[in-house]
Amino acid sequence: MPKRLLSSAGDVSRFSLVLAISAIGMHASLKDLTVLDMKPVVLMVAETVFLAGIIALMMKLSVI
């Protein structure tokens, strides 16, 4: 695949992820989520830690 297409696809992917996370944050409060169950809160924390780990690894390897 052409590098320009891959770069554009990566940009769209990042934008979509940020948009989805923002939408979740705008419509949900932690208090409301904990009333239902702790699973959504644990999932959000796990995703955050996972993404931070990937970013830290990429920074250490000088990829970004």
C-alpha atoms as a PDB file:
ATOM      1  CA  MET A   1       0.000   0.000   0.000  1.00  0.00           C
ATOM      2  CA  PRO A   2       1.236   3.524  -0.670  1.00  0.00           C
ATOM      3  CA  LYS A   3       2.837   5.280   2.299  1.00  0.00           C
ATOM      4  CA  ARG A   4       0.560   8.290   1.853  1.00  0.00           C
ATOM      5  CA  LEU A   5      -2.531   6.087   2.142  1.00  0.00           C
ATOM      6  CA  LEU A   6      -1.167   4.336   5.239  1.00  0.00           C
ATOM      7  CA  SER A   7      -0.349   7.678   6.833  1.00  0.00           C
ATOM      8  CA  SER A   8      -3.844   9.005   6.126  1.00  0.00           C
ATOM      9  CA  ALA A   9      -5.424   5.824   7.482  1.00  0.00           C
ATOM     10  CA  GLY A  10      -3.384   6.199  10.679  1.00  0.00           C
ATOM     11  CA  ASP A  11      -4.529   9.801  11.069  1.00  0.00           C
ATOM     12  CA  VAL A  12      -8.176   8.811  10.590  1.00  0.00           C
ATOM     13  CA  SER A  13      -7.749   5.975  13.081  1.00  0.00           C
ATOM     14  CA  ARG A  14      -6.257   8.258  15.748  1.00  0.00           C
ATOM     15  CA  PHE A  15      -8.956  10.866  15.204  1.00  0.00           C
ATOM     16  CA  SER A  16     -11.697   8.224  15.482  1.00  0.00           C
ATOM     17  CA  LEU A  17     -10.240   6.874  18.723  1.00  0.00           C
ATOM     18  CA  VAL A  18     -10.029  10.338  20.289  1.00  0.00           C
ATOM     19  CA  LEU A  19     -13.566  11.119  19.140  1.00  0.00           C
ATOM     20  CA  ALA A  20     -14.940   7.875  20.608  1.00  0.00           C
ATOM     21  CA  ILE A  21     -13.181   8.375  23.948  1.00  0.00           C
ATOM     22  CA  SER A  22     -14.434  11.958  24.105  1.00  0.00           C
ATOM     23  CA  ALA A  23     -17.992  10.858  23.382  1.00  0.00           C
ATOM     24  CA  ILE A  24     -17.863   8.292  26.173  1.00  0.00           C
ATOM     25  CA  GLY A  25     -16.491  10.880  28.577  1.00  0.00           C
ATOM     26  CA  MET A  26     -19.190  13.403  27.726  1.00  0.00           C
ATOM     27  CA  HIS A  27     -22.082  11.029  28.353  1.00  0.00           C
ATOM     28  CA  ALA A  28     -20.925   9.055  31.351  1.00  0.00           C
ATOM     29  CA  SER A  29     -19.898   9.932  34.853  1.00  0.00           C
ATOM     30  CA  LEU A  30     -17.886   7.568  37.024  1.00  0.00           C
ATOM     31  CA  LYS A  31     -20.607   7.670  39.675  1.00  0.00           C
ATOM     32  CA  ASP A  32     -23.214   6.474  37.164  1.00  0.00           C
ATOM     33  CA  LEU A  33     -20.912   3.720  35.945  1.00  0.00           C
ATOM     34  CA  THR A  34     -20.158   2.412  39.440  1.00  0.00           C
ATOM     35  CA  VAL A  35     -23.871   2.164  40.250  1.00  0.00           C
ATOM     36  CA  LEU A  36     -24.253  -0.362  37.437  1.00  0.00           C
ATOM     37  CA  ASP A  37     -21.094  -2.327  38.114  1.00  0.00           C
ATOM     38  CA  MET A  38     -17.345  -1.829  38.513  1.00  0.00           C
ATOM     39  CA  LYS A  39     -16.546  -3.611  35.228  1.00  0.00           C
ATOM     40  CA  PRO A  40     -16.779  -0.474  33.019  1.00  0.00           C
ATOM     41  CA  VAL A  41     -14.514   1.479  35.383  1.00  0.00           C
ATOM     42  CA  VAL A  42     -11.977  -1.349  35.519  1.00  0.00           C
ATOM     43  CA  LEU A  43     -12.079  -1.607  31.711  1.00  0.00           C
ATOM     44  CA  MET A  44     -11.455   2.136  31.280  1.00  0.00           C
ATOM     45  CA  VAL A  45      -8.524   2.042  33.703  1.00  0.00           C
ATOM     46  CA  ALA A  46      -7.079  -1.055  32.023  1.00  0.00           C
ATOM     47  CA  GLU A  47      -7.362   0.537  28.570  1.00  0.00           C
ATOM     48  CA  THR A  48      -5.662   3.699  29.801  1.00  0.00           C
ATOM     49  CA  VAL A  49      -2.789   1.744  31.355  1.00  0.00           C
ATOM     50  CA  PHE A  50      -2.455  -0.397  28.221  1.00  0.00           C
ATOM     51  CA  LEU A  51      -2.307   2.616  25.895  1.00  0.00           C
ATOM     52  CA  ALA A  52       0.137   4.425  28.185  1.00  0.00           C
ATOM     53  CA  GLY A  53       2.357   1.340  28.186  1.00  0.00           C
ATOM     54  CA  ILE A  54       2.355   1.147  24.403  1.00  0.00           C
ATOM     55  CA  ILE A  55       3.214   4.836  24.119  1.00  0.00           C
ATOM     56  CA  ALA A  56       5.994   4.538  26.703  1.00  0.00           C
ATOM     57  CA  LEU A  57       7.444   1.534  24.860  1.00  0.00           C
ATOM     58  CA  MET A  58       7.306   3.346  21.530  1.00  0.00           C
ATOM     59  CA  MET A  59       8.993   6.382  23.042  1.00  0.00           C
ATOM     60  CA  LYS A  60      11.713   4.210  24.538  1.00  0.00           C
ATOM     61  CA  LEU A  61      12.291   2.553  21.180  1.00  0.00           C
ATOM     62  CA  SER A  62      12.283   6.019  19.543  1.00  0.00           C
ATOM     63  CA  VAL A  63       9.432   5.107  17.245  1.00  0.00           C
ATOM     64  CA  ILE A  64       7.536   8.288  18.086  1.00  0.00           C
END
